[in-house]
Protein backbone atom coordinates (compact mmCIF):
# COMPACT_ATOMS: atom_id res chain seq x y z
CA UNK A 1 0.00 0.00 0.00
CA UNK A 2 2.81 2.44 0.80
CA UNK A 3 4.37 1.79 -2.61
CA UNK A 4 1.21 3.10 -4.24
CA UNK A 5 1.15 6.21 -2.04
CA UNK A 6 4.79 7.05 -2.68
CA UNK A 7 4.40 6.49 -6.44
CA UNK A 8 1.32 8.72 -6.47
CA UNK A 9 3.12 11.44 -4.48
CA UNK A 10 6.10 11.58 -6.82
CA UNK A 11 3.90 11.39 -9.94
CA UNK A 12 1.65 14.24 -8.89
CA UNK A 13 4.53 16.21 -7.35
CA UNK A 14 6.53 16.29 -10.58
CA UNK A 15 3.78 17.32 -12.98
CA UNK A 16 3.72 20.94 -11.81
CA UNK A 17 7.47 21.53 -11.92
CA UNK A 18 7.73 19.87 -15.34
CA UNK A 19 5.10 22.19 -16.77
CA UNK A 20 6.68 25.19 -15.04
CA UNK A 21 10.15 24.42 -16.40
CA UNK A 22 8.73 24.11 -19.91
CA UNK A 23 6.94 27.43 -19.60
CA UNK A 24 10.06 29.13 -18.17
CA UNK A 25 12.20 27.81 -21.02
CA UNK A 26 9.70 28.88 -23.66
CA UNK A 27 9.36 32.36 -22.21
CA UNK A 28 13.13 32.75 -21.97
CA UNK A 29 13.62 31.71 -25.59
CA UNK A 30 10.95 34.16 -26.74
CA UNK A 31 12.59 36.90 -24.70
CA UNK A 32 16.03 36.12 -26.11
CA UNK A 33 14.66 36.10 -29.65
CA UNK A 34 13.00 39.48 -29.19
CA UNK A 35 15.91 41.14 -27.41
CA UNK A 36 19.26 39.40 -28.10
CA UNK A 37 21.23 42.11 -26.28
CA UNK A 38 19.77 41.01 -22.93
CA UNK A 39 20.33 37.29 -23.47
CA UNK A 40 22.81 37.02 -20.60
CA UNK A 41 20.42 38.55 -18.06
CA UNK A 42 17.51 36.48 -19.33
CA UNK A 43 19.53 33.27 -19.15
CA UNK A 44 20.64 33.91 -15.57
CA UNK A 45 17.06 34.65 -14.50
CA UNK A 46 15.88 31.52 -16.32
CA UNK A 47 18.38 29.29 -14.54
CA UNK A 48 17.40 30.68 -11.14
CA UNK A 49 13.70 30.19 -11.87
CA UNK A 50 14.28 26.62 -13.05
CA UNK A 51 16.19 25.88 -9.84
CA UNK A 52 13.24 27.10 -7.76
CA UNK A 53 10.80 25.02 -9.79
CA UNK A 54 13.03 21.96 -9.49
CA UNK A 55 13.13 22.37 -5.71
CA UNK A 56 9.41 21.60 -5.62
CA UNK A 57 10.07 18.27 -7.37
CA UNK A 58 12.78 17.51 -4.80
CA UNK A 59 10.28 18.18 -2.00
CA UNK A 60 7.90 15.70 -3.65
CA UNK A 61 10.71 13.15 -3.79
CA UNK A 62 11.39 13.62 -0.07
CA UNK A 63 7.70 13.13 0.72
CA UNK A 64 7.61 9.98 -1.43
CA UNK A 65 10.68 8.58 0.33
CA UNK A 66 9.17 9.33 3.74
CA UNK A 67 5.97 7.57 2.74
CA UNK A 68 7.94 4.58 1.52
CA UNK A 69 10.40 4.09 4.36
CA UNK A 70 8.70 5.46 7.49
CA UNK A 71 6.20 3.00 8.95
PDB file of N, CA and C in Angstrom:
ATOM      1  N   UNK A   1       0.814  -1.200   0.000  1.00  0.00           N
ATOM      2  CA  UNK A   1       0.000   0.000   0.000  1.00  0.00           C
ATOM      3  C   UNK A   1       0.859   1.267   0.000  1.00  0.00           C
ATOM      4  N   UNK A   2       1.965   1.241   0.750  1.00  0.00           N
ATOM      5  CA  UNK A   2       2.813   2.439   0.798  1.00  0.00           C
ATOM      6  C   UNK A   2       3.523   2.679  -0.527  1.00  0.00           C
ATOM      7  N   UNK A   3       3.743   1.599  -1.304  1.00  0.00           N
ATOM      8  CA  UNK A   3       4.366   1.790  -2.613  1.00  0.00           C
ATOM      9  C   UNK A   3       3.450   2.610  -3.521  1.00  0.00           C
ATOM     10  N   UNK A   4       2.157   2.348  -3.428  1.00  0.00           N
ATOM     11  CA  UNK A   4       1.211   3.104  -4.244  1.00  0.00           C
ATOM     12  C   UNK A   4       1.164   4.569  -3.830  1.00  0.00           C
ATOM     13  N   UNK A   5       1.207   4.820  -2.523  1.00  0.00           N
ATOM     14  CA  UNK A   5       1.149   6.207  -2.038  1.00  0.00           C
ATOM     15  C   UNK A   5       2.401   6.975  -2.434  1.00  0.00           C
ATOM     16  N   UNK A   6       3.552   6.336  -2.327  1.00  0.00           N
ATOM     17  CA  UNK A   6       4.785   7.045  -2.682  1.00  0.00           C
ATOM     18  C   UNK A   6       4.867   7.262  -4.194  1.00  0.00           C
ATOM     19  N   UNK A   7       4.408   6.312  -4.979  1.00  0.00           N
ATOM     20  CA  UNK A   7       4.400   6.490  -6.439  1.00  0.00           C
ATOM     21  C   UNK A   7       3.434   7.598  -6.838  1.00  0.00           C
ATOM     22  N   UNK A   8       2.288   7.663  -6.185  1.00  0.00           N
ATOM     23  CA  UNK A   8       1.322   8.718  -6.466  1.00  0.00           C
ATOM     24  C   UNK A   8       1.880  10.082  -6.081  1.00  0.00           C
ATOM     25  N   UNK A   9       2.565  10.157  -4.939  1.00  0.00           N
ATOM     26  CA  UNK A   9       3.120  11.436  -4.477  1.00  0.00           C
ATOM     27  C   UNK A   9       4.171  11.963  -5.447  1.00  0.00           C
ATOM     28  N   UNK A  10       5.051  11.103  -5.916  1.00  0.00           N
ATOM     29  CA  UNK A  10       6.104  11.576  -6.822  1.00  0.00           C
ATOM     30  C   UNK A  10       5.520  11.880  -8.207  1.00  0.00           C
ATOM     31  N   UNK A  11       4.507  11.130  -8.629  1.00  0.00           N
ATOM     32  CA  UNK A  11       3.903  11.387  -9.938  1.00  0.00           C
ATOM     33  C   UNK A  11       3.182  12.734  -9.955  1.00  0.00           C
ATOM     34  N   UNK A  12       2.381  12.979  -8.956  1.00  0.00           N
ATOM     35  CA  UNK A  12       1.645  14.244  -8.889  1.00  0.00           C
ATOM     36  C   UNK A  12       2.593  15.403  -8.583  1.00  0.00           C
ATOM     37  N   UNK A  13       3.601  15.151  -7.752  1.00  0.00           N
ATOM     38  CA  UNK A  13       4.526  16.207  -7.353  1.00  0.00           C
ATOM     39  C   UNK A  13       5.480  16.653  -8.430  1.00  0.00           C
ATOM     40  N   UNK A  14       5.622  15.895  -9.503  1.00  0.00           N
ATOM     41  CA  UNK A  14       6.533  16.292 -10.575  1.00  0.00           C
ATOM     42  C   UNK A  14       5.823  16.872 -11.799  1.00  0.00           C
ATOM     43  N   UNK A  15       4.509  16.769 -11.838  1.00  0.00           N
ATOM     44  CA  UNK A  15       3.782  17.316 -12.982  1.00  0.00           C
ATOM     45  C   UNK A  15       3.880  18.837 -13.017  1.00  0.00           C
ATOM     46  N   UNK A  16       3.663  19.472 -11.874  1.00  0.00           N
ATOM     47  CA  UNK A  16       3.716  20.936 -11.810  1.00  0.00           C
ATOM     48  C   UNK A  16       5.075  21.503 -12.171  1.00  0.00           C
ATOM     49  N   UNK A  17       6.152  21.014 -11.546  1.00  0.00           N
ATOM     50  CA  UNK A  17       7.474  21.529 -11.915  1.00  0.00           C
ATOM     51  C   UNK A  17       7.843  21.263 -13.374  1.00  0.00           C
ATOM     52  N   UNK A  18       7.419  20.152 -13.931  1.00  0.00           N
ATOM     53  CA  UNK A  18       7.731  19.869 -15.337  1.00  0.00           C
ATOM     54  C   UNK A  18       7.056  20.882 -16.255  1.00  0.00           C
ATOM     55  N   UNK A  19       5.799  21.191 -15.968  1.00  0.00           N
ATOM     56  CA  UNK A  19       5.098  22.187 -16.769  1.00  0.00           C
ATOM     57  C   UNK A  19       5.732  23.561 -16.578  1.00  0.00           C
ATOM     58  N   UNK A  20       6.080  23.884 -15.324  1.00  0.00           N
ATOM     59  CA  UNK A  20       6.680  25.186 -15.037  1.00  0.00           C
ATOM     60  C   UNK A  20       8.020  25.353 -15.741  1.00  0.00           C
ATOM     61  N   UNK A  21       8.842  24.338 -15.740  1.00  0.00           N
ATOM     62  CA  UNK A  21      10.146  24.418 -16.398  1.00  0.00           C
ATOM     63  C   UNK A  21       9.974  24.601 -17.903  1.00  0.00           C
ATOM     64  N   UNK A  22       9.004  23.927 -18.491  1.00  0.00           N
ATOM     65  CA  UNK A  22       8.733  24.113 -19.915  1.00  0.00           C
ATOM     66  C   UNK A  22       8.278  25.522 -20.233  1.00  0.00           C
ATOM     67  N   UNK A  23       7.418  26.069 -19.378  1.00  0.00           N
ATOM     68  CA  UNK A  23       6.943  27.434 -19.597  1.00  0.00           C
ATOM     69  C   UNK A  23       8.071  28.454 -19.398  1.00  0.00           C
ATOM     70  N   UNK A  24       8.926  28.225 -18.411  1.00  0.00           N
ATOM     71  CA  UNK A  24      10.057  29.127 -18.174  1.00  0.00           C
ATOM     72  C   UNK A  24      11.007  29.107 -19.371  1.00  0.00           C
ATOM     73  N   UNK A  25      11.313  27.915 -19.870  1.00  0.00           N
ATOM     74  CA  UNK A  25      12.201  27.808 -21.024  1.00  0.00           C
ATOM     75  C   UNK A  25      11.634  28.467 -22.260  1.00  0.00           C
ATOM     76  N   UNK A  26      10.340  28.271 -22.492  1.00  0.00           N
ATOM     77  CA  UNK A  26       9.704  28.880 -23.660  1.00  0.00           C
ATOM     78  C   UNK A  26       9.707  30.400 -23.558  1.00  0.00           C
ATOM     79  N   UNK A  27       9.386  30.914 -22.379  1.00  0.00           N
ATOM     80  CA  UNK A  27       9.360  32.362 -22.207  1.00  0.00           C
ATOM     81  C   UNK A  27      10.762  32.961 -22.351  1.00  0.00           C
ATOM     82  N   UNK A  28      11.764  32.251 -21.846  1.00  0.00           N
ATOM     83  CA  UNK A  28      13.132  32.750 -21.970  1.00  0.00           C
ATOM     84  C   UNK A  28      13.581  32.767 -23.431  1.00  0.00           C
ATOM     85  N   UNK A  29      13.249  31.731 -24.178  1.00  0.00           N
ATOM     86  CA  UNK A  29      13.622  31.711 -25.595  1.00  0.00           C
ATOM     87  C   UNK A  29      12.923  32.812 -26.380  1.00  0.00           C
ATOM     88  N   UNK A  30      11.667  33.064 -26.066  1.00  0.00           N
ATOM     89  CA  UNK A  30      10.954  34.156 -26.736  1.00  0.00           C
ATOM     90  C   UNK A  30      11.601  35.495 -26.388  1.00  0.00           C
ATOM     91  N   UNK A  31      11.949  35.657 -25.113  1.00  0.00           N
ATOM     92  CA  UNK A  31      12.594  36.898 -24.697  1.00  0.00           C
ATOM     93  C   UNK A  31      13.953  37.101 -25.342  1.00  0.00           C
ATOM     94  N   UNK A  32      14.717  36.022 -25.466  1.00  0.00           N
ATOM     95  CA  UNK A  32      16.028  36.116 -26.114  1.00  0.00           C
ATOM     96  C   UNK A  32      15.888  36.410 -27.611  1.00  0.00           C
ATOM     97  N   UNK A  33      14.862  35.857 -28.222  1.00  0.00           N
ATOM     98  CA  UNK A  33      14.655  36.105 -29.647  1.00  0.00           C
ATOM     99  C   UNK A  33      14.235  37.550 -29.905  1.00  0.00           C
ATOM    100  N   UNK A  34      13.468  38.113 -29.001  1.00  0.00           N
ATOM    101  CA  UNK A  34      13.002  39.482 -29.186  1.00  0.00           C
ATOM    102  C   UNK A  34      14.063  40.519 -28.821  1.00  0.00           C
ATOM    103  N   UNK A  35      14.918  40.169 -27.872  1.00  0.00           N
ATOM    104  CA  UNK A  35      15.912  41.136 -27.412  1.00  0.00           C
ATOM    105  C   UNK A  35      17.257  40.426 -27.189  1.00  0.00           C
ATOM    106  N   UNK A  36      18.012  40.162 -28.238  1.00  0.00           N
ATOM    107  CA  UNK A  36      19.262  39.404 -28.104  1.00  0.00           C
ATOM    108  C   UNK A  36      20.326  40.094 -27.246  1.00  0.00           C
ATOM    109  N   UNK A  37      20.230  41.414 -27.079  1.00  0.00           N
ATOM    110  CA  UNK A  37      21.235  42.113 -26.282  1.00  0.00           C
ATOM    111  C   UNK A  37      21.136  41.748 -24.798  1.00  0.00           C
ATOM    112  N   UNK A  38      19.972  41.361 -24.340  1.00  0.00           N
ATOM    113  CA  UNK A  38      19.771  41.013 -22.935  1.00  0.00           C
ATOM    114  C   UNK A  38      19.773  39.505 -22.694  1.00  0.00           C
ATOM    115  N   UNK A  39      20.346  38.740 -23.598  1.00  0.00           N
ATOM    116  CA  UNK A  39      20.326  37.286 -23.472  1.00  0.00           C
ATOM    117  C   UNK A  39      21.006  36.804 -22.204  1.00  0.00           C
ATOM    118  N   UNK A  40      22.089  37.456 -21.801  1.00  0.00           N
ATOM    119  CA  UNK A  40      22.805  37.025 -20.604  1.00  0.00           C
ATOM    120  C   UNK A  40      21.937  37.175 -19.357  1.00  0.00           C
ATOM    121  N   UNK A  41      21.282  38.314 -19.216  1.00  0.00           N
ATOM    122  CA  UNK A  41      20.420  38.546 -18.061  1.00  0.00           C
ATOM    123  C   UNK A  41      19.223  37.601 -18.058  1.00  0.00           C
ATOM    124  N   UNK A  42      18.662  37.378 -19.219  1.00  0.00           N
ATOM    125  CA  UNK A  42      17.508  36.478 -19.327  1.00  0.00           C
ATOM    126  C   UNK A  42      17.915  35.059 -18.973  1.00  0.00           C
ATOM    127  N   UNK A  43      19.084  34.625 -19.429  1.00  0.00           N
ATOM    128  CA  UNK A  43      19.532  33.265 -19.153  1.00  0.00           C
ATOM    129  C   UNK A  43      19.791  33.057 -17.666  1.00  0.00           C
ATOM    130  N   UNK A  44      20.381  34.036 -17.010  1.00  0.00           N
ATOM    131  CA  UNK A  44      20.637  33.914 -15.570  1.00  0.00           C
ATOM    132  C   UNK A  44      19.320  33.823 -14.809  1.00  0.00           C
ATOM    133  N   UNK A  45      18.373  34.684 -15.163  1.00  0.00           N
ATOM    134  CA  UNK A  45      17.059  34.646 -14.503  1.00  0.00           C
ATOM    135  C   UNK A  45      16.351  33.321 -14.768  1.00  0.00           C
ATOM    136  N   UNK A  46      16.496  32.788 -15.977  1.00  0.00           N
ATOM    137  CA  UNK A  46      15.876  31.520 -16.318  1.00  0.00           C
ATOM    138  C   UNK A  46      16.450  30.389 -15.476  1.00  0.00           C
ATOM    139  N   UNK A  47      17.747  30.359 -15.313  1.00  0.00           N
ATOM    140  CA  UNK A  47      18.382  29.288 -14.540  1.00  0.00           C
ATOM    141  C   UNK A  47      17.950  29.349 -13.082  1.00  0.00           C
ATOM    142  N   UNK A  48      17.855  30.538 -12.521  1.00  0.00           N
ATOM    143  CA  UNK A  48      17.403  30.676 -11.135  1.00  0.00           C
ATOM    144  C   UNK A  48      15.957  30.215 -10.994  1.00  0.00           C
ATOM    145  N   UNK A  49      15.102  30.593 -11.929  1.00  0.00           N
ATOM    146  CA  UNK A  49      13.697  30.194 -11.867  1.00  0.00           C
ATOM    147  C   UNK A  49      13.540  28.684 -12.029  1.00  0.00           C
ATOM    148  N   UNK A  50      14.337  28.082 -12.884  1.00  0.00           N
ATOM    149  CA  UNK A  50      14.285  26.623 -13.048  1.00  0.00           C
ATOM    150  C   UNK A  50      14.735  25.927 -11.775  1.00  0.00           C
ATOM    151  N   UNK A  51      15.730  26.475 -11.094  1.00  0.00           N
ATOM    152  CA  UNK A  51      16.193  25.881  -9.840  1.00  0.00           C
ATOM    153  C   UNK A  51      15.091  25.917  -8.786  1.00  0.00           C
ATOM    154  N   UNK A  52      14.350  27.027  -8.716  1.00  0.00           N
ATOM    155  CA  UNK A  52      13.245  27.105  -7.759  1.00  0.00           C
ATOM    156  C   UNK A  52      12.139  26.117  -8.110  1.00  0.00           C
ATOM    157  N   UNK A  53      11.829  25.967  -9.374  1.00  0.00           N
ATOM    158  CA  UNK A  53      10.796  25.019  -9.791  1.00  0.00           C
ATOM    159  C   UNK A  53      11.244  23.583  -9.523  1.00  0.00           C
ATOM    160  N   UNK A  54      12.513  23.314  -9.725  1.00  0.00           N
ATOM    161  CA  UNK A  54      13.034  21.963  -9.490  1.00  0.00           C
ATOM    162  C   UNK A  54      13.040  21.625  -8.007  1.00  0.00           C
ATOM    163  N   UNK A  55      13.161  22.621  -7.154  1.00  0.00           N
ATOM    164  CA  UNK A  55      13.131  22.375  -5.711  1.00  0.00           C
ATOM    165  C   UNK A  55      11.800  21.771  -5.284  1.00  0.00           C
ATOM    166  N   UNK A  56      10.722  22.158  -5.948  1.00  0.00           N
ATOM    167  CA  UNK A  56       9.413  21.596  -5.624  1.00  0.00           C
ATOM    168  C   UNK A  56       9.381  20.105  -5.938  1.00  0.00           C
ATOM    169  N   UNK A  57       9.994  19.696  -7.029  1.00  0.00           N
ATOM    170  CA  UNK A  57      10.066  18.274  -7.365  1.00  0.00           C
ATOM    171  C   UNK A  57      10.912  17.521  -6.343  1.00  0.00           C
ATOM    172  N   UNK A  58      11.947  18.149  -5.829  1.00  0.00           N
ATOM    173  CA  UNK A  58      12.777  17.512  -4.802  1.00  0.00           C
ATOM    174  C   UNK A  58      11.977  17.343  -3.515  1.00  0.00           C
ATOM    175  N   UNK A  59      11.147  18.327  -3.173  1.00  0.00           N
ATOM    176  CA  UNK A  59      10.276  18.184  -2.000  1.00  0.00           C
ATOM    177  C   UNK A  59       9.318  17.011  -2.186  1.00  0.00           C
ATOM    178  N   UNK A  60       8.785  16.839  -3.381  1.00  0.00           N
ATOM    179  CA  UNK A  60       7.899  15.703  -3.653  1.00  0.00           C
ATOM    180  C   UNK A  60       8.644  14.384  -3.522  1.00  0.00           C
ATOM    181  N   UNK A  61       9.903  14.364  -3.945  1.00  0.00           N
ATOM    182  CA  UNK A  61      10.710  13.155  -3.787  1.00  0.00           C
ATOM    183  C   UNK A  61      10.936  12.835  -2.318  1.00  0.00           C
ATOM    184  N   UNK A  62      11.195  13.839  -1.513  1.00  0.00           N
ATOM    185  CA  UNK A  62      11.389  13.621  -0.072  1.00  0.00           C
ATOM    186  C   UNK A  62      10.116  13.074   0.556  1.00  0.00           C
ATOM    187  N   UNK A  63       8.977  13.627   0.196  1.00  0.00           N
ATOM    188  CA  UNK A  63       7.705  13.128   0.724  1.00  0.00           C
ATOM    189  C   UNK A  63       7.483  11.682   0.301  1.00  0.00           C
ATOM    190  N   UNK A  64       7.775  11.356  -0.953  1.00  0.00           N
ATOM    191  CA  UNK A  64       7.607   9.978  -1.432  1.00  0.00           C
ATOM    192  C   UNK A  64       8.527   9.019  -0.679  1.00  0.00           C
ATOM    193  N   UNK A  65       9.758   9.435  -0.417  1.00  0.00           N
ATOM    194  CA  UNK A  65      10.676   8.575   0.331  1.00  0.00           C
ATOM    195  C   UNK A  65      10.228   8.404   1.776  1.00  0.00           C
ATOM    196  N   UNK A  66       9.703   9.456   2.367  1.00  0.00           N
ATOM    197  CA  UNK A  66       9.172   9.329   3.740  1.00  0.00           C
ATOM    198  C   UNK A  66       7.998   8.362   3.763  1.00  0.00           C
ATOM    199  N   UNK A  67       7.110   8.477   2.791  1.00  0.00           N
ATOM    200  CA  UNK A  67       5.965   7.566   2.737  1.00  0.00           C
ATOM    201  C   UNK A  67       6.410   6.121   2.544  1.00  0.00           C
ATOM    202  N   UNK A  68       7.486   5.943   1.817  1.00  0.00           N
ATOM    203  CA  UNK A  68       7.936   4.579   1.524  1.00  0.00           C
ATOM    204  C   UNK A  68       8.658   3.937   2.696  1.00  0.00           C
ATOM    205  N   UNK A  69       9.514   4.707   3.383  1.00  0.00           N
ATOM    206  CA  UNK A  69      10.399   4.092   4.365  1.00  0.00           C
ATOM    207  C   UNK A  69      10.012   4.315   5.824  1.00  0.00           C
ATOM    208  N   UNK A  70       9.117   5.238   6.116  1.00  0.00           N
ATOM    209  CA  UNK A  70       8.695   5.464   7.491  1.00  0.00           C
ATOM    210  C   UNK A  70       7.404   4.704   7.739  1.00  0.00           C
ATOM    211  N   UNK A  71       7.405   3.837   8.726  1.00  0.00           N
ATOM    212  CA  UNK A  71       6.201   3.005   8.951  1.00  0.00           C
ATOM    213  C   UNK A  71       5.024   3.755   9.471  1.00  0.00           C
TER     214      UNK A  71
END
